[in-house]
Each structure stands twice: as C-alpha cells, then as structure tokens.
Amino acid sequence: MTKDIGALKKLATQIRLGAVEAIQARGFGHIGGSLSVADTLAVLYGAILRVDPKNPAWPERDKMVCSKGHAGPAIYAALGLKGYFPYEEILTLNQPGTKFPSHCDRKKTPGVDMTTGSLGQGTSLAVGMALGDRLKGRDSRMYLIVGDGELNEGQPWEAFMFAAAQKLDNLTVFIDWNKKQLDGFVADINHPRSFAAKMEAFGFHTQEVNGNCVEAVLDAVLACEHVKGKPHAIVLDTIKGAGVKEVEETFSNHSMAPKPEVIARWAQGLRDEIKAMEGGAFDA
C-alpha cells in the first residue's frame, strides 16, 4: 500500500489503460464511466482498502461495491493490478466463458464483493453489508461507488436514509458526478440539483472534491476517519471519459465501439504517459 501521490497517479493511469485494453480486445464497451472512476479506484486499491488478494473472501476485509456495475472494465483492471488474478485475463472482457462480464458479478470475478449493474440496487446491498459487518463486530469498512444517473431512482435514497438512521460510520459513498448518463446529460433528464446538499440533508458527513485528482480523493477519504456517528459521502466532480481526450470530447461516450486504430492510439497514449512517470511503482 502507498500514499505516495505520484504512485497513485501512475496507478490511475494503469487502471485507465487496463480498461481501454480490455475494451479494445472486445471491440466495444462501457468506457466513459470506467475512466471517470479510475482515480478513486487507484486511491482505494493503492492506499486504503484492507484486503488480501490471496484470500478474496477474508471476512474481516474492507469491501467495495461498485453500484454502477458497467464500470466493470476499470474494476477488473484494478483487481488485476492488485494481484487477484493474472492481469492479462481481463482481455477476455465480456467474451464467452469469461470471468469478466460486462457488469460486475461476485460469483465470477475474484475480488468483486457484490454483483451489480441493475442500477439503483447497489446502494441497498452495500448498506446491508455495512450493517452486517457492524452487527458481527467487525472493524471493516464499506466503500460504495454510485453513478449520478442511477440516482434518478428512488431506491438509493431510501438506503441513504436508512444508513444515516443507523449511523453507519463504516460506510463511505462515492457519487461519480460525471454529469452524464446513458442517453444524455443528467441535468437535462432529471436534474438532481446539489448532491452534496442532499447528502448533507440526509445526515451524511459530506465532502465535494475533484474526483479526477487522486490527492483530493485521498484527502477526502482520510478525513472520514475523524468523523464518527455518521455515514460519509464524497461527491466526485469528474469528467466522463477522463484521461482520454477523445473520449472526454465525445458526447455519447457511455458505451463506445471505436475503430481498432483509434482505440489502439488511446492505449498507446496511456502507455506513453505511464512510461513518462518517474517512480511510483504500484505496491500491492
């Protein structure tokens, strides 16, 4: 584990590369929302999570649920880099017989704590897991990533209200506020107003940070350790497709099927970025 910012930046870029390479092998995939959470995943898997890749089912582990299960390519890249399985296996993404389906599946992929992708349901699952750990006397923590689009649904807000009522201070919710959902801008489809104000009103210890800055995300996570008696919410102000300029600038970037030469160029650009970074090797 490391709290070296340079190492975490490098890991975030490696996760982006892994997501791009997996999608490149399949020819299409959920790229926009995978890239936007790479920095948060780098912080969690590089600096925060108490886990054991050799024992993925360790009961005392910290747990991570990605409710926006379509960000699977980034999750798989992080887990592969962490050593849960040979990294090259992620290149079988969404292919017959793969351990890496389009949406996360805990029964298929080592290191995935909960099956997700039916949007809106992951929050309830994570809250239940956090409560279960507390009832069993564990000091493990639960980290949940939700998409801004899926918060159109009512179920997450019921779960948030329950989490606050139960004072689940072992729960940290990351809201990936990348401003887009599958078919357009969130503000045009069902404007959420301020996520930070909502979470604060629901009884969460709330912060809003630049979600594509590993240092800002790390500081926010560490700040949660000093607040007791409340669940935590970190609103990640992100760019959908962050880290690959052409994806960032594409309006419909939820799922893409770029030409082989285009995605090969994206992958090479990320490799060049990694090569240019000094030090910061990923310490699992």
C-alpha atoms as a PDB file:
ATOM      1  CA  MET A   1       0.000   0.000   0.000  1.00  0.00           C
ATOM      2  CA  THR A   2       1.166   3.531  -0.676  1.00  0.00           C
ATOM      3  CA  LYS A   3       0.074   7.075  -0.029  1.00  0.00           C
ATOM      4  CA  ASP A   4       2.641   8.462  -2.479  1.00  0.00           C
ATOM      5  CA  ILE A   5       0.715  10.748  -4.830  1.00  0.00           C
ATOM      6  CA  GLY A   6       2.989  10.021  -7.783  1.00  0.00           C
ATOM      7  CA  ALA A   7       2.433   6.289  -7.358  1.00  0.00           C
ATOM      8  CA  LEU A   8      -1.328   6.775  -7.144  1.00  0.00           C
ATOM      9  CA  LYS A   9      -1.358   8.907 -10.303  1.00  0.00           C
ATOM     10  CA  LYS A  10       0.553   6.188 -12.082  1.00  0.00           C
ATOM     11  CA  LEU A  11      -1.848   3.539 -10.802  1.00  0.00           C
ATOM     12  CA  ALA A  12      -4.840   5.576 -12.007  1.00  0.00           C
ATOM     13  CA  THR A  13      -3.290   5.710 -15.469  1.00  0.00           C
ATOM     14  CA  GLN A  14      -2.592   1.964 -15.349  1.00  0.00           C
ATOM     15  CA  ILE A  15      -6.232   1.346 -14.464  1.00  0.00           C
ATOM     16  CA  ARG A  16      -7.320   3.514 -17.392  1.00  0.00           C
ATOM     17  CA  LEU A  17      -5.004   1.583 -19.676  1.00  0.00           C
ATOM     18  CA  GLY A  18      -6.382  -1.722 -18.412  1.00  0.00           C
ATOM     19  CA  ALA A  19      -9.956  -0.618 -19.055  1.00  0.00           C
ATOM     20  CA  VAL A  20      -9.046   0.578 -22.553  1.00  0.00           C
ATOM     21  CA  GLU A  21      -7.104  -2.610 -23.358  1.00  0.00           C
ATOM     22  CA  ALA A  22      -9.981  -4.813 -22.189  1.00  0.00           C
ATOM     23  CA  ILE A  23     -12.469  -2.857 -24.293  1.00  0.00           C
ATOM     24  CA  GLN A  24     -10.003  -2.882 -27.200  1.00  0.00           C
ATOM     25  CA  ALA A  25      -9.893  -6.698 -27.065  1.00  0.00           C
ATOM     26  CA  ARG A  26     -13.693  -6.914 -27.157  1.00  0.00           C
ATOM     27  CA  GLY A  27     -14.185  -4.110 -29.668  1.00  0.00           C
ATOM     28  CA  PHE A  28     -16.730  -2.150 -27.635  1.00  0.00           C
ATOM     29  CA  GLY A  29     -17.654  -1.426 -24.040  1.00  0.00           C
ATOM     30  CA  HIS A  30     -18.556   0.982 -21.253  1.00  0.00           C
ATOM     31  CA  ILE A  31     -15.599   3.301 -21.466  1.00  0.00           C
ATOM     32  CA  GLY A  32     -16.830   6.706 -20.267  1.00  0.00           C
ATOM     33  CA  GLY A  33     -17.891   5.749 -16.763  1.00  0.00           C
ATOM     34  CA  SER A  34     -14.944   3.387 -16.362  1.00  0.00           C
ATOM     35  CA  LEU A  35     -12.440   6.164 -16.997  1.00  0.00           C
ATOM     36  CA  SER A  36     -14.179   8.660 -14.711  1.00  0.00           C
ATOM     37  CA  VAL A  37     -13.725   6.465 -11.600  1.00  0.00           C
ATOM     38  CA  ALA A  38     -10.113   5.390 -12.246  1.00  0.00           C
ATOM     39  CA  ASP A  39      -8.671   7.919  -9.794  1.00  0.00           C
ATOM     40  CA  THR A  40     -10.971   6.798  -6.984  1.00  0.00           C
ATOM     41  CA  LEU A  41     -10.147   3.158  -7.657  1.00  0.00           C
ATOM     42  CA  ALA A  42      -6.433   3.994  -7.570  1.00  0.00           C
ATOM     43  CA  VAL A  43      -6.851   5.583  -4.148  1.00  0.00           C
ATOM     44  CA  LEU A  44      -8.914   2.699  -2.799  1.00  0.00           C
ATOM     45  CA  TYR A  45      -6.786  -0.158  -4.110  1.00  0.00           C
ATOM     46  CA  GLY A  46      -3.477   1.657  -3.832  1.00  0.00           C
ATOM     47  CA  ALA A  47      -3.819   3.337  -0.448  1.00  0.00           C
ATOM     48  CA  ILE A  48      -6.950   2.488   1.514  1.00  0.00           C
ATOM     49  CA  LEU A  49      -8.531  -0.949   1.245  1.00  0.00           C
ATOM     50  CA  ARG A  50      -7.507  -3.581   3.772  1.00  0.00           C
ATOM     51  CA  VAL A  51      -7.776  -6.660   1.573  1.00  0.00           C
ATOM     52  CA  ASP A  52      -5.878  -9.845   0.762  1.00  0.00           C
ATOM     53  CA  PRO A  53      -5.829 -10.804  -2.941  1.00  0.00           C
ATOM     54  CA  LYS A  54      -4.769 -14.339  -1.945  1.00  0.00           C
ATOM     55  CA  ASN A  55      -7.884 -14.629   0.215  1.00  0.00           C
ATOM     56  CA  PRO A  56     -10.633 -12.619  -1.516  1.00  0.00           C
ATOM     57  CA  ALA A  57     -13.327 -13.916   0.858  1.00  0.00           C
ATOM     58  CA  TRP A  58     -11.479 -12.899   4.057  1.00  0.00           C
ATOM     59  CA  PRO A  59     -14.395 -11.927   6.326  1.00  0.00           C
ATOM     60  CA  GLU A  60     -12.552  -9.053   8.017  1.00  0.00           C
ATOM     61  CA  ARG A  61     -11.619  -7.338   4.764  1.00  0.00           C
ATOM     62  CA  ASP A  62     -12.754  -3.893   3.735  1.00  0.00           C
ATOM     63  CA  LYS A  63     -15.351  -4.180   0.994  1.00  0.00           C
ATOM     64  CA  MET A  64     -16.049  -2.228  -2.182  1.00  0.00           C
ATOM     65  CA  VAL A  65     -19.314  -2.250  -4.109  1.00  0.00           C
ATOM     66  CA  CYS A  66     -19.494  -0.506  -7.480  1.00  0.00           C
ATOM     67  CA  SER A  67     -23.236   0.015  -7.921  1.00  0.00           C
ATOM     68  CA  LYS A  68     -22.625   1.386 -11.422  1.00  0.00           C
ATOM     69  CA  GLY A  69     -21.633  -2.107 -12.432  1.00  0.00           C
ATOM     70  CA  HIS A  70     -20.963  -1.118 -16.036  1.00  0.00           C
ATOM     71  CA  ALA A  71     -17.660   0.361 -14.773  1.00  0.00           C
ATOM     72  CA  GLY A  72     -16.503  -3.258 -14.635  1.00  0.00           C
ATOM     73  CA  PRO A  73     -13.560  -2.733 -17.032  1.00  0.00           C
ATOM     74  CA  ALA A  74     -11.944  -0.330 -14.558  1.00  0.00           C
ATOM     75  CA  ILE A  75     -12.738  -2.591 -11.586  1.00  0.00           C
ATOM     76  CA  TYR A  76     -11.180  -5.562 -13.360  1.00  0.00           C
ATOM     77  CA  ALA A  77      -8.072  -3.571 -14.233  1.00  0.00           C
ATOM     78  CA  ALA A  78      -7.639  -2.506 -10.602  1.00  0.00           C
ATOM     79  CA  LEU A  79      -8.118  -6.058  -9.328  1.00  0.00           C
ATOM     80  CA  GLY A  80      -5.695  -7.450 -11.909  1.00  0.00           C
ATOM     81  CA  LEU A  81      -3.056  -4.891 -10.949  1.00  0.00           C
ATOM     82  CA  LYS A  82      -3.662  -5.716  -7.291  1.00  0.00           C
ATOM     83  CA  GLY A  83      -2.944  -9.398  -7.968  1.00  0.00           C
ATOM     84  CA  TYR A  84      -6.323 -11.085  -7.621  1.00  0.00           C
ATOM     85  CA  PHE A  85      -5.722 -12.856 -10.950  1.00  0.00           C
ATOM     86  CA  PRO A  86      -3.286 -12.608 -13.881  1.00  0.00           C
ATOM     87  CA  TYR A  87      -3.743  -9.142 -15.352  1.00  0.00           C
ATOM     88  CA  GLU A  88      -3.900 -10.394 -18.958  1.00  0.00           C
ATOM     89  CA  GLU A  89      -7.130 -12.264 -18.186  1.00  0.00           C
ATOM     90  CA  ILE A  90      -9.085  -9.000 -18.333  1.00  0.00           C
ATOM     91  CA  LEU A  91      -8.594  -9.095 -22.108  1.00  0.00           C
ATOM     92  CA  THR A  92     -11.408 -11.687 -22.188  1.00  0.00           C
ATOM     93  CA  LEU A  93     -13.886  -8.981 -21.140  1.00  0.00           C
ATOM     94  CA  ASN A  94     -17.493  -9.874 -21.997  1.00  0.00           C
ATOM     95  CA  GLN A  95     -16.492 -12.852 -24.149  1.00  0.00           C
ATOM     96  CA  PRO A  96     -17.927 -16.393 -23.920  1.00  0.00           C
ATOM     97  CA  GLY A  97     -16.781 -18.187 -20.768  1.00  0.00           C
ATOM     98  CA  THR A  98     -15.116 -15.079 -19.319  1.00  0.00           C
ATOM     99  CA  LYS A  99     -14.736 -14.280 -15.627  1.00  0.00           C
ATOM    100  CA  PHE A 100     -15.204 -10.626 -16.565  1.00  0.00           C
ATOM    101  CA  PRO A 101     -18.757  -9.893 -17.695  1.00  0.00           C
ATOM    102  CA  SER A 102     -19.985  -6.507 -18.855  1.00  0.00           C
ATOM    103  CA  HIS A 103     -21.365  -5.822 -15.350  1.00  0.00           C
ATOM    104  CA  CYS A 104     -19.656  -6.933 -12.146  1.00  0.00           C
ATOM    105  CA  ASP A 105     -20.531 -10.416 -10.866  1.00  0.00           C
ATOM    106  CA  ARG A 106     -19.239 -11.604  -7.480  1.00  0.00           C
ATOM    107  CA  LYS A 107     -19.672 -15.263  -8.439  1.00  0.00           C
ATOM    108  CA  LYS A 108     -17.379 -14.913 -11.436  1.00  0.00           C
ATOM    109  CA  THR A 109     -14.643 -12.439 -10.585  1.00  0.00           C
ATOM    110  CA  PRO A 110     -12.277 -12.815  -7.610  1.00  0.00           C
ATOM    111  CA  GLY A 111     -12.260  -9.585  -5.606  1.00  0.00           C
ATOM    112  CA  VAL A 112     -15.733  -8.413  -6.626  1.00  0.00           C
ATOM    113  CA  ASP A 113     -17.736  -8.147  -3.400  1.00  0.00           C
ATOM    114  CA  MET A 114     -21.216  -7.769  -4.889  1.00  0.00           C
ATOM    115  CA  THR A 115     -22.965  -8.343  -8.208  1.00  0.00           C
ATOM    116  CA  THR A 116     -24.226  -5.020  -9.568  1.00  0.00           C
ATOM    117  CA  GLY A 117     -25.493  -3.385 -12.698  1.00  0.00           C
ATOM    118  CA  SER A 118     -29.224  -3.334 -12.079  1.00  0.00           C
ATOM    119  CA  LEU A 119     -28.813   0.347 -11.397  1.00  0.00           C
ATOM    120  CA  GLY A 120     -30.118   1.726  -8.131  1.00  0.00           C
ATOM    121  CA  GLN A 121     -29.800  -1.560  -6.226  1.00  0.00           C
ATOM    122  CA  GLY A 122     -26.134  -1.496  -5.262  1.00  0.00           C
ATOM    123  CA  THR A 123     -26.706   1.101  -2.554  1.00  0.00           C
ATOM    124  CA  SER A 124     -29.141  -1.121  -0.657  1.00  0.00           C
ATOM    125  CA  LEU A 125     -26.735  -4.044  -0.936  1.00  0.00           C
ATOM    126  CA  ALA A 126     -23.766  -2.042   0.335  1.00  0.00           C
ATOM    127  CA  VAL A 127     -25.751  -0.576   3.234  1.00  0.00           C
ATOM    128  CA  GLY A 128     -26.870  -4.058   4.235  1.00  0.00           C
ATOM    129  CA  MET A 129     -23.292  -5.334   4.092  1.00  0.00           C
ATOM    130  CA  ALA A 130     -22.064  -2.418   6.199  1.00  0.00           C
ATOM    131  CA  LEU A 131     -24.756  -3.069   8.799  1.00  0.00           C
ATOM    132  CA  GLY A 132     -23.951  -6.781   8.760  1.00  0.00           C
ATOM    133  CA  ASP A 133     -20.270  -6.145   9.420  1.00  0.00           C
ATOM    134  CA  ARG A 134     -21.150  -3.891  12.341  1.00  0.00           C
ATOM    135  CA  LEU A 135     -23.542  -6.435  13.831  1.00  0.00           C
ATOM    136  CA  LYS A 136     -20.795  -9.057  13.614  1.00  0.00           C
ATOM    137  CA  GLY A 137     -18.374  -6.782  15.455  1.00  0.00           C
ATOM    138  CA  ARG A 138     -16.003  -6.316  12.526  1.00  0.00           C
ATOM    139  CA  ASP A 139     -13.979  -3.139  12.117  1.00  0.00           C
ATOM    140  CA  SER A 140     -14.019  -3.434   8.323  1.00  0.00           C
ATOM    141  CA  ARG A 141     -15.210  -0.552   6.192  1.00  0.00           C
ATOM    142  CA  MET A 142     -17.590  -0.452   3.230  1.00  0.00           C
ATOM    143  CA  TYR A 143     -16.918   1.722   0.176  1.00  0.00           C
ATOM    144  CA  LEU A 144     -19.676   2.256  -2.382  1.00  0.00           C
ATOM    145  CA  ILE A 145     -19.473   3.884  -5.823  1.00  0.00           C
ATOM    146  CA  VAL A 146     -22.721   5.081  -7.371  1.00  0.00           C
ATOM    147  CA  GLY A 147     -23.372   6.877 -10.633  1.00  0.00           C
ATOM    148  CA  ASP A 148     -25.112  10.227 -10.845  1.00  0.00           C
ATOM    149  CA  GLY A 149     -27.564   8.878 -13.428  1.00  0.00           C
ATOM    150  CA  GLU A 150     -28.672   5.961 -11.283  1.00  0.00           C
ATOM    151  CA  LEU A 151     -29.570   8.413  -8.526  1.00  0.00           C
ATOM    152  CA  ASN A 152     -32.622   9.253 -10.645  1.00  0.00           C
ATOM    153  CA  GLU A 153     -34.092   6.206  -8.922  1.00  0.00           C
ATOM    154  CA  GLY A 154     -35.719   6.200  -5.512  1.00  0.00           C
ATOM    155  CA  GLN A 155     -34.150   3.084  -4.036  1.00  0.00           C
ATOM    156  CA  PRO A 156     -30.717   4.631  -3.307  1.00  0.00           C
ATOM    157  CA  TRP A 157     -32.322   7.475  -1.362  1.00  0.00           C
ATOM    158  CA  GLU A 158     -34.255   5.040   0.820  1.00  0.00           C
ATOM    159  CA  ALA A 159     -30.979   3.247   1.513  1.00  0.00           C
ATOM    160  CA  PHE A 160     -29.186   6.520   2.273  1.00  0.00           C
ATOM    161  CA  MET A 161     -31.916   7.460   4.748  1.00  0.00           C
ATOM    162  CA  PHE A 162     -31.586   4.067   6.444  1.00  0.00           C
ATOM    163  CA  ALA A 163     -27.773   4.321   6.588  1.00  0.00           C
ATOM    164  CA  ALA A 164     -27.993   7.683   8.319  1.00  0.00           C
ATOM    165  CA  ALA A 165     -30.660   6.450  10.742  1.00  0.00           C
ATOM    166  CA  GLN A 166     -28.393   3.541  11.660  1.00  0.00           C
ATOM    167  CA  LYS A 167     -25.348   5.845  11.996  1.00  0.00           C
ATOM    168  CA  LEU A 168     -23.275   3.603   9.716  1.00  0.00           C
ATOM    169  CA  ASP A 169     -19.964   5.425  10.024  1.00  0.00           C
ATOM    170  CA  ASN A 170     -18.256   2.398   8.454  1.00  0.00           C
ATOM    171  CA  LEU A 171     -19.875   3.343   5.111  1.00  0.00           C
ATOM    172  CA  THR A 172     -18.390   5.772   2.588  1.00  0.00           C
ATOM    173  CA  VAL A 173     -20.397   6.584  -0.541  1.00  0.00           C
ATOM    174  CA  PHE A 174     -18.695   7.978  -3.638  1.00  0.00           C
ATOM    175  CA  ILE A 175     -21.051   9.697  -6.089  1.00  0.00           C
ATOM    176  CA  ASP A 176     -19.480   9.760  -9.554  1.00  0.00           C
ATOM    177  CA  TRP A 177     -20.837  13.111 -10.680  1.00  0.00           C
ATOM    178  CA  ASN A 178     -19.616  12.934 -14.268  1.00  0.00           C
ATOM    179  CA  LYS A 179     -22.712  14.867 -15.456  1.00  0.00           C
ATOM    180  CA  LYS A 180     -23.883  12.229 -17.971  1.00  0.00           C
ATOM    181  CA  GLN A 181     -25.976   9.104 -18.004  1.00  0.00           C
ATOM    182  CA  LEU A 182     -26.640   6.596 -20.764  1.00  0.00           C
ATOM    183  CA  ASP A 183     -28.652   8.885 -23.016  1.00  0.00           C
ATOM    184  CA  GLY A 184     -27.636  12.439 -22.226  1.00  0.00           C
ATOM    185  CA  PHE A 185     -26.770  14.969 -19.563  1.00  0.00           C
ATOM    186  CA  VAL A 186     -28.168  14.202 -16.125  1.00  0.00           C
ATOM    187  CA  ALA A 187     -29.301  17.817 -15.752  1.00  0.00           C
ATOM    188  CA  ASP A 188     -31.415  17.526 -18.903  1.00  0.00           C
ATOM    189  CA  ILE A 189     -33.035  14.223 -17.981  1.00  0.00           C
ATOM    190  CA  ASN A 190     -33.803  14.576 -14.278  1.00  0.00           C
ATOM    191  CA  HIS A 191     -31.874  17.462 -12.746  1.00  0.00           C
ATOM    192  CA  PRO A 192     -30.562  16.396  -9.311  1.00  0.00           C
ATOM    193  CA  ARG A 193     -29.614  19.891  -8.120  1.00  0.00           C
ATOM    194  CA  SER A 194     -26.888  19.568  -5.472  1.00  0.00           C
ATOM    195  CA  PHE A 195     -25.881  16.048  -4.500  1.00  0.00           C
ATOM    196  CA  ALA A 196     -23.772  17.461  -1.678  1.00  0.00           C
ATOM    197  CA  ALA A 197     -26.719  19.382  -0.220  1.00  0.00           C
ATOM    198  CA  LYS A 198     -28.928  16.299  -0.491  1.00  0.00           C
ATOM    199  CA  MET A 199     -26.465  14.014   1.260  1.00  0.00           C
ATOM    200  CA  GLU A 200     -25.885  16.580   3.985  1.00  0.00           C
ATOM    201  CA  ALA A 201     -29.643  16.868   4.491  1.00  0.00           C
ATOM    202  CA  PHE A 202     -29.930  13.084   4.702  1.00  0.00           C
ATOM    203  CA  GLY A 203     -27.476  13.096   7.609  1.00  0.00           C
ATOM    204  CA  PHE A 204     -24.200  12.228   5.906  1.00  0.00           C
ATOM    205  CA  HIS A 205     -20.795  13.705   6.612  1.00  0.00           C
ATOM    206  CA  THR A 206     -20.364  15.183   3.134  1.00  0.00           C
ATOM    207  CA  GLN A 207     -17.489  16.461   1.011  1.00  0.00           C
ATOM    208  CA  GLU A 208     -17.286  17.515  -2.647  1.00  0.00           C
ATOM    209  CA  VAL A 209     -13.927  17.166  -4.388  1.00  0.00           C
ATOM    210  CA  ASN A 210     -12.242  16.984  -7.766  1.00  0.00           C
ATOM    211  CA  GLY A 211     -12.808  13.301  -8.445  1.00  0.00           C
ATOM    212  CA  ASN A 212     -10.128  13.147 -11.121  1.00  0.00           C
ATOM    213  CA  CYS A 213      -7.415  14.219  -8.673  1.00  0.00           C
ATOM    214  CA  VAL A 214      -6.017  11.354  -6.608  1.00  0.00           C
ATOM    215  CA  GLU A 215      -4.691  13.715  -3.945  1.00  0.00           C
ATOM    216  CA  ALA A 216      -8.110  15.315  -3.418  1.00  0.00           C
ATOM    217  CA  VAL A 217      -9.833  11.928  -3.246  1.00  0.00           C
ATOM    218  CA  LEU A 218      -7.243  10.544  -0.830  1.00  0.00           C
ATOM    219  CA  ASP A 219      -7.549  13.556   1.482  1.00  0.00           C
ATOM    220  CA  ALA A 220     -11.336  13.213   1.479  1.00  0.00           C
ATOM    221  CA  VAL A 221     -11.220   9.518   2.359  1.00  0.00           C
ATOM    222  CA  LEU A 222      -8.738  10.101   5.163  1.00  0.00           C
ATOM    223  CA  ALA A 223     -10.898  12.934   6.532  1.00  0.00           C
ATOM    224  CA  CYS A 224     -13.745  10.450   7.004  1.00  0.00           C
ATOM    225  CA  GLU A 225     -11.712   8.606   9.625  1.00  0.00           C
ATOM    226  CA  HIS A 226     -12.100  11.549  12.003  1.00  0.00           C
ATOM    227  CA  VAL A 227     -15.913  11.765  11.840  1.00  0.00           C
ATOM    228  CA  LYS A 228     -17.894   9.291  13.923  1.00  0.00           C
ATOM    229  CA  GLY A 229     -21.596   8.561  14.153  1.00  0.00           C
ATOM    230  CA  LYS A 230     -22.454   9.394  10.531  1.00  0.00           C
ATOM    231  CA  PRO A 231     -22.078   7.666   7.183  1.00  0.00           C
ATOM    232  CA  HIS A 232     -19.844   9.527   4.733  1.00  0.00           C
ATOM    233  CA  ALA A 233     -20.498  10.886   1.246  1.00  0.00           C
ATOM    234  CA  ILE A 234     -17.837  12.094  -1.180  1.00  0.00           C
ATOM    235  CA  VAL A 235     -19.234  13.781  -4.282  1.00  0.00           C
ATOM    236  CA  LEU A 236     -16.701  13.255  -7.064  1.00  0.00           C
ATOM    237  CA  ASP A 237     -16.738  16.116  -9.561  1.00  0.00           C
ATOM    238  CA  THR A 238     -15.498  14.146 -12.583  1.00  0.00           C
ATOM    239  CA  ILE A 239     -15.382  14.163 -16.369  1.00  0.00           C
ATOM    240  CA  LYS A 240     -16.909  11.213 -18.159  1.00  0.00           C
ATOM    241  CA  GLY A 241     -14.079   9.644 -20.131  1.00  0.00           C
ATOM    242  CA  ALA A 242     -11.408  11.389 -18.045  1.00  0.00           C
ATOM    243  CA  GLY A 243      -7.858  10.650 -19.118  1.00  0.00           C
ATOM    244  CA  VAL A 244      -8.512  10.035 -22.819  1.00  0.00           C
ATOM    245  CA  LYS A 245      -9.168  13.350 -24.543  1.00  0.00           C
ATOM    246  CA  GLU A 246     -11.109  11.960 -27.487  1.00  0.00           C
ATOM    247  CA  VAL A 247     -13.459  10.090 -25.164  1.00  0.00           C
ATOM    248  CA  GLU A 248     -13.913  13.161 -22.963  1.00  0.00           C
ATOM    249  CA  GLU A 249     -14.920  15.177 -26.033  1.00  0.00           C
ATOM    250  CA  THR A 250     -17.372  12.575 -27.381  1.00  0.00           C
ATOM    251  CA  PHE A 251     -20.963  13.323 -26.380  1.00  0.00           C
ATOM    252  CA  SER A 252     -22.238   9.730 -26.430  1.00  0.00           C
ATOM    253  CA  ASN A 253     -19.369   8.163 -24.513  1.00  0.00           C
ATOM    254  CA  HIS A 254     -21.285   5.864 -22.151  1.00  0.00           C
ATOM    255  CA  SER A 255     -20.523   2.860 -24.360  1.00  0.00           C
ATOM    256  CA  MET A 256     -18.392   3.101 -27.479  1.00  0.00           C
ATOM    257  CA  ALA A 257     -17.231   0.900 -30.342  1.00  0.00           C
ATOM    258  CA  PRO A 258     -14.230   2.832 -31.684  1.00  0.00           C
ATOM    259  CA  LYS A 259     -12.346   1.755 -34.769  1.00  0.00           C
ATOM    260  CA  PRO A 260      -9.391  -0.530 -33.941  1.00  0.00           C
ATOM    261  CA  GLU A 261      -6.822   2.055 -34.949  1.00  0.00           C
ATOM    262  CA  VAL A 262      -8.495   4.692 -32.774  1.00  0.00           C
ATOM    263  CA  ILE A 263      -8.593   2.687 -29.564  1.00  0.00           C
ATOM    264  CA  ALA A 264      -5.061   1.449 -30.248  1.00  0.00           C
ATOM    265  CA  ARG A 265      -3.996   5.093 -30.309  1.00  0.00           C
ATOM    266  CA  TRP A 266      -5.718   5.721 -26.974  1.00  0.00           C
ATOM    267  CA  ALA A 267      -3.969   2.741 -25.404  1.00  0.00           C
ATOM    268  CA  GLN A 268      -0.584   3.820 -26.715  1.00  0.00           C
ATOM    269  CA  GLY A 269      -1.107   7.329 -25.378  1.00  0.00           C
ATOM    270  CA  LEU A 270      -1.744   5.912 -21.900  1.00  0.00           C
ATOM    271  CA  ARG A 271       1.323   3.673 -22.166  1.00  0.00           C
ATOM    272  CA  ASP A 272       3.390   6.714 -23.070  1.00  0.00           C
ATOM    273  CA  GLU A 273       2.023   8.567 -20.017  1.00  0.00           C
ATOM    274  CA  ILE A 274       2.974   5.683 -17.740  1.00  0.00           C
ATOM    275  CA  LYS A 275       6.447   5.481 -19.244  1.00  0.00           C
ATOM    276  CA  ALA A 276       6.939   9.204 -18.655  1.00  0.00           C
ATOM    277  CA  MET A 277       6.046   8.979 -14.989  1.00  0.00           C
ATOM    278  CA  GLU A 278       9.021   8.717 -12.707  1.00  0.00           C
ATOM    279  CA  GLY A 279       8.969   6.030  -9.986  1.00  0.00           C
ATOM    280  CA  GLY A 280       5.696   5.300  -8.301  1.00  0.00           C
ATOM    281  CA  ALA A 281       5.605   1.570  -8.996  1.00  0.00           C
ATOM    282  CA  PHE A 282       2.391   0.004  -7.715  1.00  0.00           C
ATOM    283  CA  ASP A 283       2.942  -1.625  -4.356  1.00  0.00           C
ATOM    284  CA  ALA A 284       0.279  -4.256  -3.785  1.00  0.00           C
END
